C-alpha atoms as a PDB file:
ATOM      1  CA  MET A   1       0.296   0.381  -0.145  1.00  0.00           C
ATOM      2  CA  ALA A   2       1.458   3.281  -1.390  1.00  0.00           C
ATOM      3  CA  ILE A   3       2.347   6.114   1.566  1.00  0.00           C
ATOM      4  CA  ILE A   4       2.188   9.910   0.373  1.00  0.00           C
ATOM      5  CA  THR A   5       3.060  12.557   3.174  1.00  0.00           C
ATOM      6  CA  LEU A   6       1.694  16.131   2.536  1.00  0.00           C
ATOM      7  CA  THR A   7       3.701  19.040   4.046  1.00  0.00           C
ATOM      8  CA  THR A   8       2.282  22.758   2.813  1.00  0.00           C
ATOM      9  CA  ASP A   9       1.845  25.985   4.022  1.00  0.00           C
ATOM     10  CA  PHE A  10      -1.981  25.816   3.660  1.00  0.00           C
ATOM     11  CA  GLY A  11      -3.179  25.556   7.471  1.00  0.00           C
ATOM     12  CA  GLU A  12      -6.174  23.960   8.829  1.00  0.00           C
ATOM     13  CA  LYS A  13      -8.552  26.545   8.069  1.00  0.00           C
ATOM     14  CA  ASP A  14      -9.077  26.630   4.089  1.00  0.00           C
ATOM     15  CA  HIS A  15      -9.788  23.684   2.403  1.00  0.00           C
ATOM     16  CA  PHE A  16      -6.822  23.145  -0.108  1.00  0.00           C
ATOM     17  CA  ALA A  17      -6.079  20.611   2.069  1.00  0.00           C
ATOM     18  CA  GLY A  18      -8.900  18.522   2.354  1.00  0.00           C
ATOM     19  CA  ALA A  19      -9.375  18.826  -1.639  1.00  0.00           C
ATOM     20  CA  ILE A  20      -5.498  17.069  -1.824  1.00  0.00           C
ATOM     21  CA  LYS A  21      -6.695  14.463  -0.037  1.00  0.00           C
ATOM     22  CA  GLY A  22     -10.080  13.953  -1.364  1.00  0.00           C
ATOM     23  CA  ALA A  23      -8.378  14.294  -5.418  1.00  0.00           C
ATOM     24  CA  ILE A  24      -5.638  11.635  -4.203  1.00  0.00           C
ATOM     25  CA  TYR A  25      -8.732   9.259  -2.674  1.00  0.00           C
ATOM     26  CA  SER A  26     -10.150   9.520  -5.828  1.00  0.00           C
ATOM     27  CA  GLU A  27      -7.651   8.103  -7.761  1.00  0.00           C
ATOM     28  CA  LEU A  28      -5.643   5.577  -5.020  1.00  0.00           C
ATOM     29  CA  PRO A  29      -8.536   4.504  -2.774  1.00  0.00           C
ATOM     30  CA  ASP A  30      -6.257   2.407  -0.783  1.00  0.00           C
ATOM     31  CA  VAL A  31      -3.391   4.939  -0.484  1.00  0.00           C
ATOM     32  CA  ARG A  32      -2.259   5.948   3.260  1.00  0.00           C
ATOM     33  CA  ILE A  33      -2.116   9.962   3.569  1.00  0.00           C
ATOM     34  CA  VAL A  34       0.284  11.127   6.081  1.00  0.00           C
ATOM     35  CA  ASP A  35       0.132  14.872   7.378  1.00  0.00           C
ATOM     36  CA  ILE A  36       3.539  16.216   8.082  1.00  0.00           C
ATOM     37  CA  SER A  37       2.658  19.627   8.609  1.00  0.00           C
ATOM     38  CA  HIS A  38      -0.091  22.253   6.968  1.00  0.00           C
ATOM     39  CA  SER A  39       1.328  25.297   9.409  1.00  0.00           C
ATOM     40  CA  VAL A  40       4.283  26.256   7.505  1.00  0.00           C
ATOM     41  CA  ALA A  41       4.900  29.606   7.512  1.00  0.00           C
ATOM     42  CA  PRO A  42       3.342  30.984   4.330  1.00  0.00           C
ATOM     43  CA  PHE A  43       6.156  30.548   1.138  1.00  0.00           C
ATOM     44  CA  ASN A  44       8.873  29.731   4.124  1.00  0.00           C
ATOM     45  CA  VAL A  45      11.055  27.605   1.789  1.00  0.00           C
ATOM     46  CA  PRO A  46      14.027  27.142   4.208  1.00  0.00           C
ATOM     47  CA  GLU A  47      11.403  26.081   7.531  1.00  0.00           C
ATOM     48  CA  ALA A  48       9.766  23.893   4.837  1.00  0.00           C
ATOM     49  CA  ALA A  49      13.024  22.102   4.218  1.00  0.00           C
ATOM     50  CA  TYR A  50      13.931  21.513   7.707  1.00  0.00           C
ATOM     51  CA  ILE A  51      10.560  19.850   8.422  1.00  0.00           C
ATOM     52  CA  ILE A  52      11.055  17.187   5.366  1.00  0.00           C
ATOM     53  CA  GLN A  53      14.288  16.869   5.839  1.00  0.00           C
ATOM     54  CA  ASN A  54      13.941  15.782   9.265  1.00  0.00           C
ATOM     55  CA  ALA A  55      10.620  13.839   8.881  1.00  0.00           C
ATOM     56  CA  TYR A  56      11.216  12.102   5.732  1.00  0.00           C
ATOM     57  CA  SER A  57      13.367   9.230   6.638  1.00  0.00           C
ATOM     58  CA  SER A  58      10.852   7.978   9.214  1.00  0.00           C
ATOM     59  CA  PHE A  59       8.911   6.550   6.624  1.00  0.00           C
ATOM     60  CA  PRO A  60       9.427   3.459   5.077  1.00  0.00           C
ATOM     61  CA  LYS A  61      11.478   3.448   1.607  1.00  0.00           C
ATOM     62  CA  GLY A  62       9.328   4.015  -1.342  1.00  0.00           C
ATOM     63  CA  THR A  63       6.845   6.772   0.452  1.00  0.00           C
ATOM     64  CA  ILE A  64       6.050   9.682  -1.851  1.00  0.00           C
ATOM     65  CA  HIS A  65       6.111  13.357  -0.093  1.00  0.00           C
ATOM     66  CA  MET A  66       4.453  16.049  -1.554  1.00  0.00           C
ATOM     67  CA  ILE A  67       5.616  19.565  -0.741  1.00  0.00           C
ATOM     68  CA  GLY A  68       3.302  22.500  -1.048  1.00  0.00           C
ATOM     69  CA  ILE A  69       5.227  25.352  -0.545  1.00  0.00           C
ATOM     70  CA  ASP A  70       5.509  28.772  -3.458  1.00  0.00           C
ATOM     71  CA  SER A  71       4.396  25.967  -5.601  1.00  0.00           C
ATOM     72  CA  GLU A  72       2.681  28.339  -8.435  1.00  0.00           C
ATOM     73  CA  LEU A  73       3.992  27.348 -11.751  1.00  0.00           C
ATOM     74  CA  ASN A  74       6.026  30.565 -13.250  1.00  0.00           C
ATOM     75  CA  PRO A  75       9.767  30.620 -15.815  1.00  0.00           C
ATOM     76  CA  GLU A  76      11.950  31.258 -12.271  1.00  0.00           C
ATOM     77  CA  ASN A  77       9.595  28.185 -10.890  1.00  0.00           C
ATOM     78  CA  LYS A  78       9.581  24.870 -12.161  1.00  0.00           C
ATOM     79  CA  HIS A  79       8.183  21.633 -10.697  1.00  0.00           C
ATOM     80  CA  ILE A  80      10.486  18.469  -9.976  1.00  0.00           C
ATOM     81  CA  ALA A  81      10.139  15.613  -8.609  1.00  0.00           C
ATOM     82  CA  VAL A  82      13.049  13.930  -7.390  1.00  0.00           C
ATOM     83  CA  LYS A  83      14.462  10.308  -6.161  1.00  0.00           C
ATOM     84  CA  LEU A  84      16.132  10.456  -3.094  1.00  0.00           C
ATOM     85  CA  ASP A  85      17.065   7.602  -0.417  1.00  0.00           C
ATOM     86  CA  ASP A  86      14.729   5.289  -2.276  1.00  0.00           C
ATOM     87  CA  HIS A  87      11.950   8.387  -1.331  1.00  0.00           C
ATOM     88  CA  TYR A  88       9.886  10.334  -4.052  1.00  0.00           C
ATOM     89  CA  PHE A  89       9.499  14.024  -3.496  1.00  0.00           C
ATOM     90  CA  ILE A  90       7.317  16.310  -5.801  1.00  0.00           C
ATOM     91  CA  CYS A  91       7.610  20.215  -5.099  1.00  0.00           C
ATOM     92  CA  ALA A  92       8.526  23.101  -6.649  1.00  0.00           C
ATOM     93  CA  ASN A  93      12.420  23.697  -7.709  1.00  0.00           C
ATOM     94  CA  ASN A  94      12.800  26.448  -5.257  1.00  0.00           C
ATOM     95  CA  GLY A  95      15.527  25.197  -2.929  1.00  0.00           C
ATOM     96  CA  ILE A  96      13.480  22.768  -0.757  1.00  0.00           C
ATOM     97  CA  MET A  97      15.185  20.360  -1.745  1.00  0.00           C
ATOM     98  CA  SER A  98      18.673  21.664  -1.689  1.00  0.00           C
ATOM     99  CA  MET A  99      18.861  20.627   2.493  1.00  0.00           C
ATOM    100  CA  ILE A 100      18.707  17.177   1.919  1.00  0.00           C
ATOM    101  CA  CYS A 101      20.447  17.039  -1.234  1.00  0.00           C
ATOM    102  CA  SER A 102      23.412  18.741   0.349  1.00  0.00           C
ATOM    103  CA  GLU A 103      24.147  15.435   2.396  1.00  0.00           C
ATOM    104  CA  ILE A 104      22.567  12.756   0.288  1.00  0.00           C
ATOM    105  CA  ALA A 105      22.711  12.615  -3.681  1.00  0.00           C
ATOM    106  CA  PRO A 106      19.038  12.326  -5.266  1.00  0.00           C
ATOM    107  CA  GLN A 107      19.194   9.240  -7.189  1.00  0.00           C
ATOM    108  CA  LYS A 108      17.255  11.136  -9.950  1.00  0.00           C
ATOM    109  CA  ILE A 109      15.260  14.545 -10.770  1.00  0.00           C
ATOM    110  CA  VAL A 110      13.015  15.005 -13.454  1.00  0.00           C
ATOM    111  CA  GLU A 111      11.849  18.564 -14.405  1.00  0.00           C
ATOM    112  CA  ILE A 112       7.657  17.444 -14.813  1.00  0.00           C
ATOM    113  CA  ASN A 113       6.500  18.603 -18.277  1.00  0.00           C
ATOM    114  CA  ILE A 114       2.910  17.157 -18.081  1.00  0.00           C
ATOM    115  CA  HIS A 115       1.088  20.779 -17.298  1.00  0.00           C
ATOM    116  CA  ASP A 116      -0.096  20.802 -21.271  1.00  0.00           C
ATOM    117  CA  ARG A 117      -2.424  17.641 -20.346  1.00  0.00           C
ATOM    118  CA  VAL A 118      -3.594  18.955 -16.317  1.00  0.00           C
ATOM    119  CA  ALA A 119      -5.697  22.185 -16.445  1.00  0.00           C
ATOM    120  CA  SER A 120      -4.012  23.266 -13.569  1.00  0.00           C
ATOM    121  CA  SER A 121      -4.574  27.061 -11.740  1.00  0.00           C
ATOM    122  CA  PHE A 122      -3.943  24.638  -8.080  1.00  0.00           C
ATOM    123  CA  PRO A 123      -1.252  22.431  -9.016  1.00  0.00           C
ATOM    124  CA  VAL A 124      -0.248  21.004  -5.800  1.00  0.00           C
ATOM    125  CA  LEU A 125      -3.980  19.943  -6.163  1.00  0.00           C
ATOM    126  CA  ASP A 126      -3.995  18.927  -9.890  1.00  0.00           C
ATOM    127  CA  VAL A 127       0.021  18.476 -11.080  1.00  0.00           C
ATOM    128  CA  PHE A 128       1.377  17.029  -7.703  1.00  0.00           C
ATOM    129  CA  VAL A 129      -1.730  14.426  -7.181  1.00  0.00           C
ATOM    130  CA  ASN A 130      -1.073  13.874 -10.653  1.00  0.00           C
ATOM    131  CA  VAL A 131       2.798  12.834 -10.006  1.00  0.00           C
ATOM    132  CA  ALA A 132       2.087  10.961  -6.846  1.00  0.00           C
ATOM    133  CA  CYS A 133      -0.533   8.774  -8.192  1.00  0.00           C
ATOM    134  CA  HIS A 134       1.545   7.751 -11.511  1.00  0.00           C
ATOM    135  CA  ILE A 135       4.197   7.016  -9.063  1.00  0.00           C
ATOM    136  CA  ALA A 136       2.088   5.353  -6.683  1.00  0.00           C
ATOM    137  CA  ARG A 137       0.825   3.047  -9.181  1.00  0.00           C
ATOM    138  CA  GLY A 138       4.878   2.058  -9.972  1.00  0.00           C
ATOM    139  CA  GLY A 139       5.079   4.770 -13.037  1.00  0.00           C
ATOM    140  CA  THR A 140       8.589   5.880 -13.952  1.00  0.00           C
ATOM    141  CA  LEU A 141       9.940   9.746 -13.513  1.00  0.00           C
ATOM    142  CA  GLU A 142      11.022   9.442 -17.015  1.00  0.00           C
ATOM    143  CA  VAL A 143       7.398   9.723 -18.037  1.00  0.00           C
ATOM    144  CA  ILE A 144       5.821  12.828 -16.289  1.00  0.00           C
ATOM    145  CA  GLY A 145       8.870  14.754 -16.890  1.00  0.00           C
ATOM    146  CA  LYS A 146      12.654  15.191 -18.230  1.00  0.00           C
ATOM    147  CA  ILE A 147      16.123  14.574 -16.647  1.00  0.00           C
ATOM    148  CA  ILE A 148      17.883  16.999 -15.131  1.00  0.00           C
ATOM    149  CA  GLU A 149      21.235  17.234 -12.998  1.00  0.00           C
ATOM    150  CA  THR A 150      20.832  20.025 -10.438  1.00  0.00           C
ATOM    151  CA  ILE A 151      18.278  21.813  -8.192  1.00  0.00           C
ATOM    152  CA  LYS A 152      18.044  25.333  -7.387  1.00  0.00           C
ATOM    153  CA  PRO A 153      20.206  26.087  -3.804  1.00  0.00           C
ATOM    154  CA  ILE A 154      18.519  27.324  -0.890  1.00  0.00           C
ATOM    155  CA  LYS A 155      20.485  30.875  -0.239  1.00  0.00           C
ATOM    156  CA  ASN A 156      23.281  30.943   3.199  1.00  0.00           C
ATOM    157  CA  LEU A 157      21.970  27.293   3.372  1.00  0.00           C
ATOM    158  CA  ILE A 158      25.845  26.452   4.516  1.00  0.00           C
ATOM    159  CA  PRO A 159      27.398  29.096   7.332  1.00  0.00           C
ATOM    160  CA  PHE A 160      30.318  31.070   6.675  1.00  0.00           C
ATOM    161  CA  VAL A 161      33.798  30.255   8.168  1.00  0.00           C
ATOM    162  CA  SER A 162      36.439  33.044   8.075  1.00  0.00           C
ATOM    163  CA  GLU A 163      39.821  32.636   6.209  1.00  0.00           C
ATOM    164  CA  GLU A 164      41.452  32.022   9.596  1.00  0.00           C
ATOM    165  CA  ARG A 165      38.745  29.426  10.590  1.00  0.00           C
ATOM    166  CA  SER A 166      38.153  31.456  14.501  1.00  0.00           C
ATOM    167  CA  GLN A 167      34.417  32.304  13.476  1.00  0.00           C
ATOM    168  CA  ILE A 168      31.440  30.838  12.108  1.00  0.00           C
ATOM    169  CA  ILE A 169      29.002  33.078  10.818  1.00  0.00           C
ATOM    170  CA  GLY A 170      25.688  31.308  11.262  1.00  0.00           C
ATOM    171  CA  SER A 171      21.854  32.092  10.607  1.00  0.00           C
ATOM    172  CA  VAL A 172      18.518  31.278  11.816  1.00  0.00           C
ATOM    173  CA  ILE A 173      16.786  29.117   9.563  1.00  0.00           C
ATOM    174  CA  TYR A 174      13.709  27.448  11.840  1.00  0.00           C
ATOM    175  CA  ILE A 175      12.519  28.278  14.970  1.00  0.00           C
ATOM    176  CA  ASP A 176       9.978  25.472  16.659  1.00  0.00           C
ATOM    177  CA  ASN A 177       6.596  25.421  18.326  1.00  0.00           C
ATOM    178  CA  TYR A 178       8.297  26.323  21.589  1.00  0.00           C
ATOM    179  CA  GLY A 179      10.187  29.158  20.205  1.00  0.00           C
ATOM    180  CA  ASN A 180      13.806  27.355  20.441  1.00  0.00           C
ATOM    181  CA  VAL A 181      15.881  29.049  17.572  1.00  0.00           C
ATOM    182  CA  ILE A 182      17.384  26.887  15.316  1.00  0.00           C
ATOM    183  CA  THR A 183      20.566  27.586  13.292  1.00  0.00           C
ATOM    184  CA  ASN A 184      22.379  26.159  10.161  1.00  0.00           C
ATOM    185  CA  ILE A 185      25.102  25.373  11.779  1.00  0.00           C
ATOM    186  CA  LYS A 186      25.286  21.659  12.228  1.00  0.00           C
ATOM    187  CA  ARG A 187      27.494  19.645  14.779  1.00  0.00           C
ATOM    188  CA  LYS A 188      29.814  18.403  12.223  1.00  0.00           C
ATOM    189  CA  PHE A 189      30.556  21.062  10.424  1.00  0.00           C
ATOM    190  CA  PHE A 190      30.881  23.030  14.152  1.00  0.00           C
ATOM    191  CA  GLU A 191      33.377  20.402  15.406  1.00  0.00           C
ATOM    192  CA  ASP A 192      35.169  20.320  12.017  1.00  0.00           C
ATOM    193  CA  VAL A 193      35.935  24.289  12.840  1.00  0.00           C
ATOM    194  CA  GLN A 194      36.766  24.118  16.647  1.00  0.00           C
ATOM    195  CA  LYS A 195      39.079  21.186  17.097  1.00  0.00           C
ATOM    196  CA  THR A 196      39.869  21.545  20.671  1.00  0.00           C
ATOM    197  CA  ARG A 197      39.365  25.099  20.734  1.00  0.00           C
ATOM    198  CA  THR A 198      37.001  26.742  23.359  1.00  0.00           C
ATOM    199  CA  TYR A 199      34.538  29.093  22.004  1.00  0.00           C
ATOM    200  CA  GLU A 200      31.768  31.496  22.469  1.00  0.00           C
ATOM    201  CA  ILE A 201      28.223  31.837  20.908  1.00  0.00           C
ATOM    202  CA  SER A 202      26.799  35.088  20.318  1.00  0.00           C
ATOM    203  CA  ALA A 203      23.469  36.160  19.531  1.00  0.00           C
ATOM    204  CA  ARG A 204      22.190  39.697  19.384  1.00  0.00           C
ATOM    205  CA  SER A 205      23.132  40.462  22.720  1.00  0.00           C
ATOM    206  CA  TYR A 206      23.138  37.365  23.930  1.00  0.00           C
ATOM    207  CA  LYS A 207      26.536  35.006  24.573  1.00  0.00           C
ATOM    208  CA  PHE A 208      26.727  31.074  25.213  1.00  0.00           C
ATOM    209  CA  LYS A 209      29.993  29.599  26.272  1.00  0.00           C
ATOM    210  CA  LYS A 210      28.568  25.825  26.899  1.00  0.00           C
ATOM    211  CA  ILE A 211      26.961  23.734  24.435  1.00  0.00           C
ATOM    212  CA  PHE A 212      24.551  21.118  26.164  1.00  0.00           C
ATOM    213  CA  GLU A 213      23.937  17.556  25.311  1.00  0.00           C
ATOM    214  CA  LYS A 214      20.244  17.595  26.130  1.00  0.00           C
ATOM    215  CA  TYR A 215      18.311  20.370  27.830  1.00  0.00           C
ATOM    216  CA  SER A 216      18.411  19.150  31.146  1.00  0.00           C
ATOM    217  CA  ASP A 217      21.886  19.235  31.294  1.00  0.00           C
ATOM    218  CA  ALA A 218      21.504  23.020  32.142  1.00  0.00           C
ATOM    219  CA  ILE A 219      20.085  22.139  35.420  1.00  0.00           C
ATOM    220  CA  ASN A 220      21.371  21.617  38.441  1.00  0.00           C
ATOM    221  CA  PHE A 221      19.520  19.083  40.263  1.00  0.00           C
ATOM    222  CA  GLU A 222      21.192  18.915  43.344  1.00  0.00           C
ATOM    223  CA  ILE A 223      19.650  22.636  44.729  1.00  0.00           C
ATOM    224  CA  GLN A 224      15.955  22.341  45.698  1.00  0.00           C
ATOM    225  CA  GLU A 225      13.396  22.793  42.883  1.00  0.00           C
ATOM    226  CA  GLU A 226      11.966  25.803  44.321  1.00  0.00           C
ATOM    227  CA  LYS A 227      15.166  27.619  44.377  1.00  0.00           C
ATOM    228  CA  ARG A 228      16.329  26.671  41.052  1.00  0.00           C
ATOM    229  CA  TYR A 229      14.483  28.830  39.189  1.00  0.00           C
ATOM    230  CA  ASP A 230      14.942  26.527  35.768  1.00  0.00           C
ATOM    231  CA  GLU A 231      12.036  27.837  33.881  1.00  0.00           C
ATOM    232  CA  GLY A 232      13.178  30.567  31.531  1.00  0.00           C
ATOM    233  CA  LYS A 233      16.775  29.598  31.578  1.00  0.00           C
ATOM    234  CA  ARG A 234      18.210  30.443  28.233  1.00  0.00           C
ATOM    235  CA  LEU A 235      20.415  27.494  26.970  1.00  0.00           C
ATOM    236  CA  VAL A 236      22.505  25.755  23.629  1.00  0.00           C
ATOM    237  CA  VAL A 237      22.137  22.470  22.593  1.00  0.00           C
ATOM    238  CA  PHE A 238      22.881  20.483  19.392  1.00  0.00           C
ATOM    239  CA  ASN A 239      19.252  19.755  19.091  1.00  0.00           C
ATOM    240  CA  SER A 240      17.925  16.097  17.879  1.00  0.00           C
ATOM    241  CA  ALA A 241      18.362  16.750  13.939  1.00  0.00           C
ATOM    242  CA  GLY A 242      21.897  17.455  14.617  1.00  0.00           C
ATOM    243  CA  TYR A 243      21.655  21.318  14.370  1.00  0.00           C
ATOM    244  CA  LEU A 244      22.635  24.422  16.706  1.00  0.00           C
ATOM    245  CA  GLU A 245      19.701  25.220  18.422  1.00  0.00           C
ATOM    246  CA  ILE A 246      19.215  28.429  21.123  1.00  0.00           C
ATOM    247  CA  ALA A 247      16.604  27.469  23.473  1.00  0.00           C
ATOM    248  CA  VAL A 248      14.937  28.418  26.920  1.00  0.00           C
ATOM    249  CA  TYR A 249      14.192  25.414  29.554  1.00  0.00           C
ATOM    250  CA  LYS A 250      10.532  24.769  29.158  1.00  0.00           C
ATOM    251  CA  SER A 251       9.474  27.875  27.573  1.00  0.00           C
ATOM    252  CA  ASP A 252       6.267  29.008  27.074  1.00  0.00           C
ATOM    253  CA  ASN A 253       4.888  32.321  25.344  1.00  0.00           C
ATOM    254  CA  ALA A 254       2.503  32.652  27.760  1.00  0.00           C
ATOM    255  CA  THR A 255       4.432  32.541  30.912  1.00  0.00           C
ATOM    256  CA  VAL A 256       8.695  32.016  30.718  1.00  0.00           C
ATOM    257  CA  GLY A 257       8.452  33.252  27.395  1.00  0.00           C
ATOM    258  CA  SER A 258      10.960  31.598  24.796  1.00  0.00           C
ATOM    259  CA  ALA A 259      14.496  31.993  23.065  1.00  0.00           C
ATOM    260  CA  SER A 260      12.743  33.481  20.263  1.00  0.00           C
ATOM    261  CA  SER A 261      10.657  36.387  22.555  1.00  0.00           C
ATOM    262  CA  LEU A 262      13.097  37.068  24.666  1.00  0.00           C
ATOM    263  CA  MET A 263      16.023  37.092  22.811  1.00  0.00           C
ATOM    264  CA  GLY A 264      14.491  38.903  19.327  1.00  0.00           C
ATOM    265  CA  LEU A 265      15.284  36.566  17.274  1.00  0.00           C
ATOM    266  CA  LYS A 266      13.636  35.627  13.819  1.00  0.00           C
ATOM    267  CA  VAL A 267      14.426  33.863  11.006  1.00  0.00           C
ATOM    268  CA  MET A 268      17.551  34.772   8.859  1.00  0.00           C
ATOM    269  CA  ASP A 269      19.346  36.676  12.430  1.00  0.00           C
ATOM    270  CA  THR A 270      22.750  35.867  12.670  1.00  0.00           C
ATOM    271  CA  VAL A 271      24.568  33.602  15.256  1.00  0.00           C
ATOM    272  CA  THR A 272      28.046  34.359  15.481  1.00  0.00           C
ATOM    273  CA  VAL A 273      30.295  31.135  17.292  1.00  0.00           C
ATOM    274  CA  ASN A 274      34.180  33.004  17.658  1.00  0.00           C
ATOM    275  CA  PHE A 275      36.943  30.274  18.342  1.00  0.00           C
ATOM    276  CA  SER A 276      39.847  30.824  20.748  1.00  0.00           C
ATOM    277  CA  LYS A 277      43.300  30.904  19.226  1.00  0.00           C
ATOM    278  CA  THR A 278      44.387  27.900  20.826  1.00  0.00           C
END
């Protein structure tokens, strides 16, 4: 039984996500459809890329992932289907796939060319559903597109490293449901530059000199709970996806606040790591 996932910026209020599911079920009544997220910020390609990169590998090989972000067809925004890691991805060629492709080489990329056969003012509903159902039936990518070799990158995906390798300049790529701030600095990248040197992480006026393995490592549990003042404590971790993350322990925007709200950090803001000379 085929599995098709949906990742969009459609939200839950409008009919779009429901219409897509209905169209798929009309073609493939026995398919399984899984919502990864419909809450991506509108047209936010880096956010969508982060979500799909960290979700897709939990699904079985052969899963088909439809990504409806900034998908209107125009001369600068073509549609593609990608086979990668034995999964299939259908999306616009706007950089969404570049985060995954920076770590795993695609097995095949095609630029979708069936638009003259599919009347469409809503390409995710019409074109993407058509392609997904074709793949689910065992169809090949070459039937729905022409082979291409490269995809568009996301700008500033890779952090900048100074010539003397004393500094990493990264940026915020995602803010999660807790208000935690995720940067584009991955653990391996950080450690390759760091070697054995000490460091200081700067985000706006806030500075950190330690990266914890998990959130609760920032808390001294030997102190009585009522005297610790744990909630609201600022900290830095490498998150479960391996990205450098600035967080607040047990964050809650309604009470103690979050890393994003307390520090004023937003997507594309700069986060800098300075290394000691030795």
